């Protein structure tokens, strides 16, 4: 699982992976869950990573933690 608390971190993450893994870097995340702190960050995840699997309902780190716990318990 990779968690993102801002759109900026999603962008930087994508840039770093592209530098290290090349243009097809996003396929390396196929088996990794992507968690987002809220709608704006989720929008960036969808734009750059192609998806978001978990989104916090309360846009705080505690809310993100709760969303991950709920997802893992399902």
Protein backbone atom coordinates (compact mmCIF):
# COMPACT_ATOMS: atom_id res chain seq x y z
CA UNK A 1 0.00 0.00 0.00
CA UNK A 2 1.09 3.52 -0.79
CA UNK A 3 -0.58 6.42 1.00
CA UNK A 4 -0.79 9.97 -0.26
CA UNK A 5 -1.65 13.02 1.82
CA UNK A 6 -1.38 15.60 -0.98
CA UNK A 7 -1.44 15.96 -4.74
CA UNK A 8 2.10 17.26 -4.61
CA UNK A 9 3.36 13.98 -3.17
CA UNK A 10 1.55 12.04 -5.91
CA UNK A 11 3.27 14.15 -8.58
CA UNK A 12 6.72 13.82 -6.99
CA UNK A 13 6.24 10.09 -6.49
CA UNK A 14 5.36 9.68 -10.18
CA UNK A 15 8.36 11.74 -11.26
CA UNK A 16 10.73 9.70 -9.12
CA UNK A 17 9.36 6.39 -10.37
CA UNK A 18 9.52 7.52 -13.98
CA UNK A 19 13.17 8.52 -13.51
CA UNK A 20 14.01 5.20 -11.90
CA UNK A 21 11.79 2.78 -13.82
CA UNK A 22 11.08 4.45 -17.15
CA UNK A 23 7.89 5.35 -18.98
CA UNK A 24 5.96 2.19 -18.00
CA UNK A 25 6.44 2.74 -14.26
CA UNK A 26 2.70 2.80 -13.48
CA UNK A 27 2.33 -0.90 -14.35
CA UNK A 28 4.65 -1.72 -11.45
CA UNK A 29 1.87 -0.52 -9.12
CA UNK A 30 -0.76 -2.96 -10.37
CA UNK A 31 -0.62 -5.05 -7.19
CA UNK A 32 -0.20 -2.12 -4.80
CA UNK A 33 -3.19 -0.48 -3.09
CA UNK A 34 -3.31 3.31 -3.38
CA UNK A 35 -4.79 5.29 -0.49
CA UNK A 36 -5.67 8.99 -0.60
CA UNK A 37 -6.46 11.53 2.11
CA UNK A 38 -9.28 13.16 0.13
CA UNK A 39 -10.96 14.07 -3.17
CA UNK A 40 -8.31 16.46 -4.55
CA UNK A 41 -5.52 13.98 -3.89
CA UNK A 42 -7.65 11.16 -5.31
CA UNK A 43 -8.19 13.18 -8.48
CA UNK A 44 -4.42 13.47 -8.92
CA UNK A 45 -3.99 9.75 -8.19
CA UNK A 46 -6.49 8.91 -10.92
CA UNK A 47 -4.84 11.32 -13.32
CA UNK A 48 -1.25 10.12 -12.78
CA UNK A 49 -1.61 6.59 -11.39
CA UNK A 50 -4.83 5.54 -13.11
CA UNK A 51 -6.77 4.78 -9.95
CA UNK A 52 -7.26 5.17 -6.23
CA UNK A 53 -8.38 2.26 -4.06
CA UNK A 54 -9.03 3.93 -0.72
CA UNK A 55 -10.19 7.47 0.04
CA UNK A 56 -10.62 8.97 3.49
CA UNK A 57 -14.07 10.30 4.33
CA UNK A 58 -12.57 12.69 6.88
CA UNK A 59 -9.69 14.51 5.18
CA UNK A 60 -7.14 14.06 7.97
CA UNK A 61 -4.42 11.54 8.72
CA UNK A 62 -6.75 9.96 11.28
CA UNK A 63 -9.44 9.73 8.61
CA UNK A 64 -6.98 8.14 6.20
CA UNK A 65 -5.94 5.65 8.87
CA UNK A 66 -9.59 4.75 9.53
CA UNK A 67 -10.26 4.28 5.80
CA UNK A 68 -7.27 1.94 5.54
CA UNK A 69 -8.42 -0.06 8.57
CA UNK A 70 -11.91 -0.36 7.09
CA UNK A 71 -10.50 -1.44 3.72
CA UNK A 72 -8.17 -4.02 5.31
CA UNK A 73 -11.00 -5.42 7.42
CA UNK A 74 -13.34 -5.99 4.45
